Each structure stands twice: as structure tokens, then as C-alpha cells.
Amino acid sequence: MSPDTGLNQVLRKLIRRSFPRLRQRIVTIGWGGGEELLYYMAHADRNMIVVNNWLRGANRRVLEGGIAHELCHIDADLRLGVFQRQLAWERYSQSRWYRMREERSTERRVIELGYGECLLELIRFARRLGYSFGREHGLLYAEALRAEALRASSSRMAVANRY
């Protein structure tokens, strides 16, 4: 994995803005390879996000969508105890249904945090690279679009009700 200042800036901005639990944790990020566009690994008290080299040409919002997704995974995992976390990782690797539920839940959380447009941009960019998204990978594009529209609508209503 090769570190990158630009990726690290995006990571730090997202953590400061939306992931207070992760502010005191060691989270690193860098470019790498593999099949997945992004993934994270945990080693003791360290978490490392790997961004596939295929995303080097992506704009900042695409990267924010993917990194926010991985930070949601990390944040959710840190809420679990050691045994629960290990069990969750085993289920994730062995059960298609568990993995699907986890990915869909994570993407709903990304949208709740206000990164739905970034997630949609990530999906569009990944499609141009030849990736296809099914329910196993998270929300379908139409589902993410609908959820983001609902979130944005409720945010506008909340602001209007304040005045």
C-alpha cells in the first residue's frame, strides 16, 4: 500500500466532520490493488483503508463516497466487543445474506451522514470501470438515489421549520 497526501486529507476531513469516535483512533489510508475498489483491514488498534489504484482518476466526491463507506464499517465494528467483532467478520466472509445486510446497512448510514451524492458518484464511476452492483454490494443505484432524495427533502423541511 502506498500512502498519499490527498487521500489522507480526504480521510481526515471525513473523520473530523462525521466520525467523532474515530478521531482518537489510528486510521491510515493508501493506494493498493486487489478486486475490491475499497476495503479496510484491522490490525490490533490500527485500521487501514486501501483504495484501489483504479480510483486514482476519480474526483474527490467519488473518493469521499467510498471512504465514508469504509469509515462507517470501521465505526460499526468498533461498537462491538472483540468476540462479537470476530463473529461478525466470520459471518461476513461466510454468509452472502449477512454480507448483503451489512453492506446495505452501511450504505444507509453513509446516506444518513449526508454523503449520498458522493456514494452515487462512486457507483457511477465504478460502473464506468466495468464494476456492476447488485444487492450483495449494497444498495442498488435506484435505492440509493431514492434514499438520498428522502434525506435531502427531510433536511430541507427541518431547516424550513426552524424559521
N, C-alpha and C. Protein backbone atom coordinates (compact mmCIF):
# COMPACT_ATOMS: atom_id res chain seq x y z
N MET A 1 0.85 -1.18 0.00
CA MET A 1 0.00 0.00 0.00
C MET A 1 0.89 1.23 0.00
N SER A 2 0.62 2.16 -0.90
CA SER A 2 1.40 3.39 -0.94
C SER A 2 0.56 4.56 -0.41
N PRO A 3 1.11 5.28 0.58
CA PRO A 3 0.38 6.41 1.17
C PRO A 3 0.24 7.56 0.17
N ASP A 4 -0.71 8.44 0.42
CA ASP A 4 -0.97 9.57 -0.46
C ASP A 4 -1.51 10.72 0.36
N THR A 5 -0.92 11.90 0.19
CA THR A 5 -1.33 13.07 0.97
C THR A 5 -2.77 13.46 0.68
N GLY A 6 -3.18 13.41 -0.60
CA GLY A 6 -4.55 13.78 -0.97
C GLY A 6 -5.58 12.87 -0.34
N LEU A 7 -5.32 11.56 -0.37
CA LEU A 7 -6.23 10.60 0.27
C LEU A 7 -6.30 10.86 1.77
N ASN A 8 -5.15 11.13 2.37
CA ASN A 8 -5.12 11.36 3.81
C ASN A 8 -5.90 12.62 4.18
N GLN A 9 -5.85 13.65 3.34
CA GLN A 9 -6.63 14.87 3.60
C GLN A 9 -8.12 14.57 3.56
N VAL A 10 -8.56 13.80 2.57
CA VAL A 10 -9.97 13.43 2.48
C VAL A 10 -10.37 12.63 3.71
N LEU A 11 -9.55 11.66 4.10
CA LEU A 11 -9.82 10.83 5.27
C LEU A 11 -9.97 11.69 6.52
N ARG A 12 -9.01 12.56 6.78
CA ARG A 12 -9.04 13.41 8.00
C ARG A 12 -10.26 14.32 8.01
N LYS A 13 -10.61 14.88 6.84
CA LYS A 13 -11.79 15.76 6.75
C LYS A 13 -13.06 14.99 7.12
N LEU A 14 -13.21 13.79 6.57
CA LEU A 14 -14.40 12.99 6.86
C LEU A 14 -14.46 12.60 8.34
N ILE A 15 -13.35 12.21 8.90
CA ILE A 15 -13.32 11.84 10.32
C ILE A 15 -13.69 13.03 11.19
N ARG A 16 -13.10 14.20 10.91
CA ARG A 16 -13.41 15.40 11.69
C ARG A 16 -14.88 15.76 11.60
N ARG A 17 -15.43 15.68 10.39
CA ARG A 17 -16.80 16.13 10.15
C ARG A 17 -17.85 15.15 10.66
N SER A 18 -17.61 13.84 10.51
CA SER A 18 -18.72 12.91 10.70
C SER A 18 -18.44 11.69 11.56
N PHE A 19 -17.21 11.48 12.00
CA PHE A 19 -16.89 10.25 12.73
C PHE A 19 -16.12 10.57 14.02
N PRO A 20 -16.78 11.18 14.99
CA PRO A 20 -16.07 11.58 16.23
C PRO A 20 -15.42 10.41 16.96
N ARG A 21 -16.01 9.22 16.91
CA ARG A 21 -15.45 8.06 17.60
C ARG A 21 -14.07 7.69 17.03
N LEU A 22 -13.82 8.05 15.78
CA LEU A 22 -12.58 7.67 15.12
C LEU A 22 -11.47 8.72 15.25
N ARG A 23 -11.78 9.86 15.85
CA ARG A 23 -10.79 10.94 15.96
C ARG A 23 -9.56 10.53 16.75
N GLN A 24 -9.73 9.69 17.74
CA GLN A 24 -8.60 9.27 18.58
C GLN A 24 -8.04 7.91 18.17
N ARG A 25 -8.55 7.36 17.08
CA ARG A 25 -8.10 6.05 16.61
C ARG A 25 -7.04 6.21 15.52
N ILE A 26 -6.27 5.17 15.32
CA ILE A 26 -5.28 5.18 14.24
C ILE A 26 -5.96 4.61 13.00
N VAL A 27 -6.18 5.48 12.02
CA VAL A 27 -6.75 5.08 10.75
C VAL A 27 -5.82 5.59 9.65
N THR A 28 -5.30 4.67 8.85
CA THR A 28 -4.42 5.06 7.76
C THR A 28 -5.09 4.73 6.43
N ILE A 29 -4.57 5.31 5.37
CA ILE A 29 -5.15 5.11 4.04
C ILE A 29 -4.05 5.14 3.00
N GLY A 30 -4.24 4.40 1.93
CA GLY A 30 -3.27 4.41 0.84
C GLY A 30 -3.81 3.67 -0.36
N TRP A 31 -3.05 3.76 -1.45
CA TRP A 31 -3.41 3.11 -2.70
C TRP A 31 -2.94 1.67 -2.67
N GLY A 32 -3.70 0.80 -3.33
CA GLY A 32 -3.33 -0.60 -3.41
C GLY A 32 -4.05 -1.28 -4.56
N GLY A 33 -3.97 -2.58 -4.59
CA GLY A 33 -4.59 -3.35 -5.66
C GLY A 33 -5.66 -4.27 -5.12
N GLY A 34 -5.98 -5.27 -5.89
CA GLY A 34 -7.00 -6.24 -5.48
C GLY A 34 -8.26 -6.09 -6.30
N GLU A 35 -9.24 -6.90 -5.96
CA GLU A 35 -10.51 -6.88 -6.69
C GLU A 35 -11.44 -5.78 -6.22
N GLU A 36 -11.44 -5.50 -4.93
CA GLU A 36 -12.36 -4.52 -4.37
C GLU A 36 -11.88 -3.10 -4.69
N LEU A 37 -12.83 -2.19 -4.86
CA LEU A 37 -12.45 -0.79 -5.09
C LEU A 37 -11.89 -0.17 -3.82
N LEU A 38 -12.50 -0.47 -2.70
CA LEU A 38 -12.01 -0.04 -1.40
C LEU A 38 -12.30 -1.15 -0.40
N TYR A 39 -11.46 -1.25 0.61
CA TYR A 39 -11.71 -2.16 1.72
C TYR A 39 -10.89 -1.70 2.91
N TYR A 40 -11.22 -2.25 4.06
CA TYR A 40 -10.41 -1.90 5.22
C TYR A 40 -9.98 -3.16 5.93
N MET A 41 -8.85 -3.04 6.60
CA MET A 41 -8.30 -4.12 7.41
C MET A 41 -8.03 -3.57 8.80
N ALA A 42 -8.15 -4.44 9.79
CA ALA A 42 -7.86 -4.06 11.18
C ALA A 42 -6.70 -4.90 11.68
N HIS A 43 -5.77 -4.24 12.33
CA HIS A 43 -4.63 -4.91 12.96
C HIS A 43 -4.48 -4.30 14.35
N ALA A 44 -4.83 -5.08 15.37
CA ALA A 44 -4.78 -4.62 16.76
C ALA A 44 -5.60 -3.33 16.88
N ASP A 45 -4.97 -2.22 17.21
CA ASP A 45 -5.72 -0.97 17.39
C ASP A 45 -5.60 -0.06 16.16
N ARG A 46 -5.14 -0.60 15.05
CA ARG A 46 -4.97 0.17 13.81
C ARG A 46 -5.99 -0.29 12.77
N ASN A 47 -6.46 0.66 11.99
CA ASN A 47 -7.35 0.36 10.87
C ASN A 47 -6.74 0.97 9.62
N MET A 48 -6.73 0.21 8.55
CA MET A 48 -6.13 0.67 7.32
C MET A 48 -7.13 0.53 6.18
N ILE A 49 -7.37 1.65 5.48
CA ILE A 49 -8.24 1.65 4.31
C ILE A 49 -7.37 1.59 3.08
N VAL A 50 -7.68 0.65 2.19
CA VAL A 50 -6.94 0.50 0.94
C VAL A 50 -7.88 0.93 -0.20
N VAL A 51 -7.40 1.85 -1.02
CA VAL A 51 -8.15 2.36 -2.16
C VAL A 51 -7.49 1.80 -3.42
N ASN A 52 -8.28 1.12 -4.24
CA ASN A 52 -7.75 0.50 -5.44
C ASN A 52 -7.15 1.55 -6.37
N ASN A 53 -6.03 1.21 -6.98
CA ASN A 53 -5.36 2.11 -7.92
C ASN A 53 -6.27 2.55 -9.07
N TRP A 54 -7.29 1.77 -9.38
CA TRP A 54 -8.22 2.14 -10.45
C TRP A 54 -8.98 3.42 -10.13
N LEU A 55 -9.00 3.82 -8.85
CA LEU A 55 -9.70 5.04 -8.46
C LEU A 55 -8.80 6.27 -8.48
N ARG A 56 -7.58 6.13 -8.94
CA ARG A 56 -6.65 7.27 -8.98
C ARG A 56 -7.21 8.42 -9.82
N GLY A 57 -7.96 8.11 -10.85
CA GLY A 57 -8.53 9.15 -11.70
C GLY A 57 -9.85 9.70 -11.21
N ALA A 58 -10.31 9.24 -10.07
CA ALA A 58 -11.61 9.67 -9.54
C ALA A 58 -11.52 11.06 -8.91
N ASN A 59 -12.63 11.77 -8.96
CA ASN A 59 -12.65 13.08 -8.31
C ASN A 59 -12.83 12.91 -6.80
N ARG A 60 -12.72 14.01 -6.09
CA ARG A 60 -12.77 14.00 -4.62
C ARG A 60 -14.08 13.42 -4.08
N ARG A 61 -15.20 13.77 -4.72
CA ARG A 61 -16.50 13.30 -4.23
C ARG A 61 -16.64 11.78 -4.36
N VAL A 62 -16.10 11.21 -5.42
CA VAL A 62 -16.11 9.75 -5.59
C VAL A 62 -15.33 9.12 -4.44
N LEU A 63 -14.15 9.67 -4.17
CA LEU A 63 -13.32 9.14 -3.08
C LEU A 63 -14.02 9.31 -1.73
N GLU A 64 -14.66 10.46 -1.52
CA GLU A 64 -15.39 10.68 -0.27
C GLU A 64 -16.48 9.64 -0.07
N GLY A 65 -17.20 9.30 -1.14
CA GLY A 65 -18.25 8.29 -1.04
C GLY A 65 -17.70 6.95 -0.60
N GLY A 66 -16.61 6.52 -1.22
CA GLY A 66 -16.01 5.23 -0.86
C GLY A 66 -15.37 5.23 0.52
N ILE A 67 -14.67 6.30 0.84
CA ILE A 67 -14.00 6.37 2.15
C ILE A 67 -15.04 6.47 3.27
N ALA A 68 -16.10 7.25 3.06
CA ALA A 68 -17.17 7.34 4.06
C ALA A 68 -17.78 5.96 4.30
N HIS A 69 -17.95 5.19 3.23
CA HIS A 69 -18.48 3.84 3.35
C HIS A 69 -17.57 2.99 4.25
N GLU A 70 -16.28 3.03 4.00
CA GLU A 70 -15.34 2.23 4.81
C GLU A 70 -15.28 2.73 6.25
N LEU A 71 -15.35 4.03 6.45
CA LEU A 71 -15.36 4.58 7.82
C LEU A 71 -16.61 4.13 8.57
N CYS A 72 -17.73 4.01 7.87
CA CYS A 72 -18.95 3.50 8.52
C CYS A 72 -18.75 2.06 8.97
N HIS A 73 -18.07 1.24 8.15
CA HIS A 73 -17.75 -0.13 8.57
C HIS A 73 -16.88 -0.11 9.83
N ILE A 74 -15.84 0.70 9.82
CA ILE A 74 -14.93 0.76 10.97
C ILE A 74 -15.68 1.21 12.21
N ASP A 75 -16.47 2.27 12.09
CA ASP A 75 -17.23 2.81 13.22
C ASP A 75 -18.18 1.75 13.79
N ALA A 76 -18.87 1.04 12.91
CA ALA A 76 -19.80 -0.01 13.37
C ALA A 76 -19.04 -1.13 14.07
N ASP A 77 -17.90 -1.53 13.52
CA ASP A 77 -17.11 -2.61 14.12
C ASP A 77 -16.58 -2.23 15.49
N LEU A 78 -16.24 -0.95 15.67
CA LEU A 78 -15.71 -0.52 16.97
C LEU A 78 -16.78 -0.50 18.06
N ARG A 79 -18.02 -0.53 17.67
CA ARG A 79 -19.11 -0.59 18.65
C ARG A 79 -19.27 -2.01 19.22
N LEU A 80 -18.64 -2.97 18.58
CA LEU A 80 -18.73 -4.37 19.01
C LEU A 80 -17.58 -4.73 19.92
N GLY A 81 -17.80 -5.70 20.78
CA GLY A 81 -16.73 -6.25 21.58
C GLY A 81 -15.82 -7.11 20.70
N VAL A 82 -14.70 -7.54 21.25
CA VAL A 82 -13.73 -8.32 20.48
C VAL A 82 -14.36 -9.60 19.94
N PHE A 83 -15.05 -10.36 20.79
CA PHE A 83 -15.66 -11.61 20.34
C PHE A 83 -16.76 -11.34 19.32
N GLN A 84 -17.60 -10.36 19.59
CA GLN A 84 -18.69 -10.02 18.65
C GLN A 84 -18.13 -9.60 17.30
N ARG A 85 -17.04 -8.83 17.31
CA ARG A 85 -16.43 -8.37 16.07
C ARG A 85 -15.88 -9.54 15.26
N GLN A 86 -15.21 -10.46 15.94
CA GLN A 86 -14.66 -11.63 15.26
C GLN A 86 -15.79 -12.47 14.64
N LEU A 87 -16.86 -12.64 15.41
CA LEU A 87 -18.01 -13.39 14.91
C LEU A 87 -18.63 -12.68 13.69
N ALA A 88 -18.73 -11.36 13.76
CA ALA A 88 -19.29 -10.59 12.64
C ALA A 88 -18.43 -10.74 11.39
N TRP A 89 -17.10 -10.70 11.54
CA TRP A 89 -16.20 -10.86 10.39
C TRP A 89 -16.33 -12.25 9.79
N GLU A 90 -16.47 -13.27 10.64
CA GLU A 90 -16.64 -14.63 10.13
C GLU A 90 -17.95 -14.75 9.36
N ARG A 91 -19.01 -14.20 9.92
CA ARG A 91 -20.30 -14.24 9.23
C ARG A 91 -20.24 -13.48 7.91
N TYR A 92 -19.55 -12.35 7.91
CA TYR A 92 -19.43 -11.54 6.70
C TYR A 92 -18.73 -12.34 5.60
N SER A 93 -17.68 -13.04 5.96
CA SER A 93 -16.92 -13.79 4.94
C SER A 93 -17.63 -15.06 4.50
N GLN A 94 -18.51 -15.63 5.33
CA GLN A 94 -19.11 -16.92 5.02
C GLN A 94 -20.56 -16.86 4.55
N SER A 95 -21.24 -15.77 4.83
CA SER A 95 -22.67 -15.71 4.53
C SER A 95 -22.99 -14.57 3.56
N ARG A 96 -23.49 -14.94 2.42
CA ARG A 96 -23.90 -13.93 1.43
C ARG A 96 -24.99 -13.02 2.00
N TRP A 97 -25.93 -13.60 2.72
CA TRP A 97 -27.04 -12.82 3.28
C TRP A 97 -26.57 -11.86 4.36
N TYR A 98 -25.66 -12.30 5.20
CA TYR A 98 -25.12 -11.41 6.23
C TYR A 98 -24.36 -10.26 5.57
N ARG A 99 -23.54 -10.59 4.57
CA ARG A 99 -22.75 -9.58 3.86
C ARG A 99 -23.67 -8.56 3.19
N MET A 100 -24.73 -9.06 2.56
CA MET A 100 -25.69 -8.17 1.90
C MET A 100 -26.33 -7.23 2.93
N ARG A 101 -26.77 -7.77 4.04
CA ARG A 101 -27.40 -6.95 5.08
C ARG A 101 -26.44 -5.90 5.61
N GLU A 102 -25.20 -6.31 5.84
CA GLU A 102 -24.18 -5.39 6.36
C GLU A 102 -23.88 -4.27 5.36
N GLU A 103 -23.71 -4.61 4.10
CA GLU A 103 -23.40 -3.60 3.09
C GLU A 103 -24.55 -2.62 2.89
N ARG A 104 -25.77 -3.12 2.88
CA ARG A 104 -26.93 -2.25 2.71
C ARG A 104 -27.10 -1.32 3.90
N SER A 105 -26.88 -1.85 5.10
CA SER A 105 -26.96 -1.04 6.31
C SER A 105 -25.88 0.05 6.31
N THR A 106 -24.70 -0.32 5.87
CA THR A 106 -23.59 0.63 5.81
C THR A 106 -23.92 1.76 4.83
N GLU A 107 -24.46 1.44 3.69
CA GLU A 107 -24.77 2.48 2.72
C GLU A 107 -25.91 3.37 3.19
N ARG A 108 -26.86 2.83 3.93
CA ARG A 108 -27.91 3.68 4.51
C ARG A 108 -27.28 4.67 5.49
N ARG A 109 -26.31 4.21 6.25
CA ARG A 109 -25.61 5.08 7.21
C ARG A 109 -24.82 6.18 6.48
N VAL A 110 -24.18 5.83 5.37
CA VAL A 110 -23.47 6.82 4.57
C VAL A 110 -24.43 7.92 4.12
N ILE A 111 -25.61 7.52 3.68
CA ILE A 111 -26.61 8.48 3.23
C ILE A 111 -27.11 9.32 4.40
N GLU A 112 -27.37 8.69 5.56
CA GLU A 112 -27.81 9.44 6.75
C GLU A 112 -26.80 10.52 7.14
N LEU A 113 -25.53 10.22 6.95
CA LEU A 113 -24.48 11.18 7.31
C LEU A 113 -24.34 12.31 6.29
N GLY A 114 -25.07 12.21 5.17
CA GLY A 114 -25.04 13.28 4.18
C GLY A 114 -24.11 13.05 3.01
N TYR A 115 -23.63 11.83 2.84
CA TYR A 115 -22.72 11.52 1.74
C TYR A 115 -23.39 10.72 0.63
N GLY A 116 -24.69 10.83 0.51
CA GLY A 116 -25.43 10.09 -0.50
C GLY A 116 -25.03 10.47 -1.92
N GLU A 117 -24.87 11.77 -2.19
CA GLU A 117 -24.45 12.20 -3.53
C GLU A 117 -23.08 11.65 -3.87
N CYS A 118 -22.19 11.61 -2.88
CA CYS A 118 -20.85 11.06 -3.10
C CYS A 118 -20.93 9.56 -3.38
N LEU A 119 -21.79 8.87 -2.66
CA LEU A 119 -21.98 7.44 -2.88
C LEU A 119 -22.52 7.18 -4.29
N LEU A 120 -23.46 8.00 -4.73
CA LEU A 120 -23.99 7.86 -6.09
C LEU A 120 -22.90 8.10 -7.13
N GLU A 121 -22.05 9.09 -6.89
CA GLU A 121 -20.94 9.34 -7.82
C GLU A 121 -19.98 8.17 -7.85
N LEU A 122 -19.73 7.56 -6.69
CA LEU A 122 -18.86 6.38 -6.64
C LEU A 122 -19.46 5.25 -7.49
N ILE A 123 -20.75 5.02 -7.34
CA ILE A 123 -21.41 3.95 -8.09
C ILE A 123 -21.31 4.22 -9.59
N ARG A 124 -21.56 5.46 -10.00
CA ARG A 124 -21.47 5.81 -11.43
C ARG A 124 -20.04 5.62 -11.95
N PHE A 125 -19.06 6.06 -11.18
CA PHE A 125 -17.66 5.93 -11.59
C PHE A 125 -17.27 4.45 -11.69
N ALA A 126 -17.70 3.67 -10.71
CA ALA A 126 -17.38 2.24 -10.72
C ALA A 126 -18.01 1.54 -11.92
N ARG A 127 -19.20 1.94 -12.29
CA ARG A 127 -19.84 1.35 -13.47
C ARG A 127 -19.03 1.64 -14.73
N ARG A 128 -18.48 2.87 -14.82
CA ARG A 128 -17.65 3.20 -15.98
C ARG A 128 -16.39 2.34 -16.02
N LEU A 129 -15.94 1.88 -14.86
CA LEU A 129 -14.77 1.00 -14.79
C LEU A 129 -15.12 -0.45 -15.11
N GLY A 130 -16.42 -0.74 -15.20
CA GLY A 130 -16.86 -2.09 -15.51
C GLY A 130 -17.37 -2.88 -14.32
N TYR A 131 -17.42 -2.24 -13.15
CA TYR A 131 -17.99 -2.90 -11.98
C TYR A 131 -19.50 -2.89 -12.08
N SER A 132 -20.13 -3.95 -11.61
CA SER A 132 -21.58 -3.97 -11.53
C SER A 132 -21.96 -4.12 -10.05
N PHE A 133 -23.07 -3.52 -9.71
CA PHE A 133 -23.52 -3.54 -8.32
C PHE A 133 -24.84 -4.27 -8.22
N GLY A 134 -24.88 -5.26 -7.37
CA GLY A 134 -26.11 -5.97 -7.05
C GLY A 134 -26.41 -5.74 -5.58
N ARG A 135 -27.45 -6.34 -5.11
CA ARG A 135 -27.83 -6.19 -3.70
C ARG A 135 -26.74 -6.66 -2.75
N GLU A 136 -25.92 -7.59 -3.21
CA GLU A 136 -24.84 -8.10 -2.36
C GLU A 136 -23.80 -7.02 -2.06
N HIS A 137 -23.70 -6.03 -2.93
CA HIS A 137 -22.70 -4.98 -2.77
C HIS A 137 -23.25 -3.77 -2.01
N GLY A 138 -24.52 -3.77 -1.70
CA GLY A 138 -25.13 -2.65 -1.01
C GLY A 138 -26.43 -2.26 -1.69
N LEU A 139 -26.76 -1.00 -1.57
CA LEU A 139 -27.99 -0.52 -2.18
C LEU A 139 -27.83 -0.45 -3.69
N LEU A 140 -28.89 -0.78 -4.41
CA LEU A 140 -28.90 -0.58 -5.84
C LEU A 140 -28.92 0.92 -6.10
N TYR A 141 -28.50 1.32 -7.28
CA TYR A 141 -28.42 2.75 -7.60
C TYR A 141 -29.76 3.45 -7.35
N ALA A 142 -30.85 2.86 -7.82
CA ALA A 142 -32.17 3.47 -7.64
C ALA A 142 -32.54 3.59 -6.16
N GLU A 143 -32.17 2.59 -5.36
CA GLU A 143 -32.45 2.64 -3.92
C GLU A 143 -31.64 3.74 -3.25
N ALA A 144 -30.38 3.86 -3.63
CA ALA A 144 -29.53 4.91 -3.05
C ALA A 144 -30.04 6.29 -3.47
N LEU A 145 -30.44 6.42 -4.72
CA LEU A 145 -30.96 7.68 -5.22
C LEU A 145 -32.22 8.07 -4.46
N ARG A 146 -33.12 7.12 -4.25
CA ARG A 146 -34.36 7.38 -3.52
C ARG A 146 -34.07 7.76 -2.07
N ALA A 147 -33.17 7.02 -1.42
CA ALA A 147 -32.84 7.30 -0.02
C ALA A 147 -32.19 8.68 0.13
N GLU A 148 -31.33 9.04 -0.81
CA GLU A 148 -30.69 10.37 -0.77
C GLU A 148 -31.71 11.46 -0.99
N ALA A 149 -32.65 11.25 -1.91
CA ALA A 149 -33.69 12.25 -2.16
C ALA A 149 -34.56 12.45 -0.91
N LEU A 150 -34.89 11.37 -0.22
CA LEU A 150 -35.68 11.47 1.02
C LEU A 150 -34.89 12.20 2.11
N ARG A 151 -33.62 11.89 2.24
CA ARG A 151 -32.79 12.54 3.25
C ARG A 151 -32.68 14.03 2.96
N ALA A 152 -32.43 14.38 1.70
CA ALA A 152 -32.29 15.79 1.33
C ALA A 152 -33.61 16.54 1.55
N SER A 153 -34.72 15.89 1.21
CA SER A 153 -36.03 16.51 1.39
C SER A 153 -36.33 16.76 2.87
N SER A 154 -36.05 15.77 3.71
CA SER A 154 -36.30 15.95 5.14
C SER A 154 -35.35 16.99 5.75
N SER A 155 -34.14 17.11 5.23
CA SER A 155 -33.21 18.13 5.71
C SER A 155 -33.72 19.52 5.37
N ARG A 156 -34.23 19.67 4.13
CA ARG A 156 -34.76 20.98 3.73
C ARG A 156 -35.99 21.34 4.59
N MET A 157 -36.84 20.35 4.88
CA MET A 157 -38.03 20.60 5.70
C MET A 157 -37.63 20.99 7.11
N ALA A 158 -36.60 20.35 7.66
CA ALA A 158 -36.14 20.67 9.01
C ALA A 158 -35.62 22.11 9.07
N VAL A 159 -34.90 22.53 8.04
CA VAL A 159 -34.39 23.91 8.00
C VAL A 159 -35.55 24.87 7.87
N ALA A 160 -36.52 24.58 7.02
CA ALA A 160 -37.67 25.46 6.83
C ALA A 160 -38.50 25.58 8.10
N ASN A 161 -38.60 24.51 8.87
CA ASN A 161 -39.38 24.53 10.11
C ASN A 161 -38.72 25.34 11.22
N ARG A 162 -37.41 25.55 11.11
CA ARG A 162 -36.71 26.36 12.12
C ARG A 162 -37.07 27.82 12.01
N TYR A 163 -37.49 28.26 10.83
CA TYR A 163 -37.73 29.69 10.63
C TYR A 163 -39.18 30.01 10.58
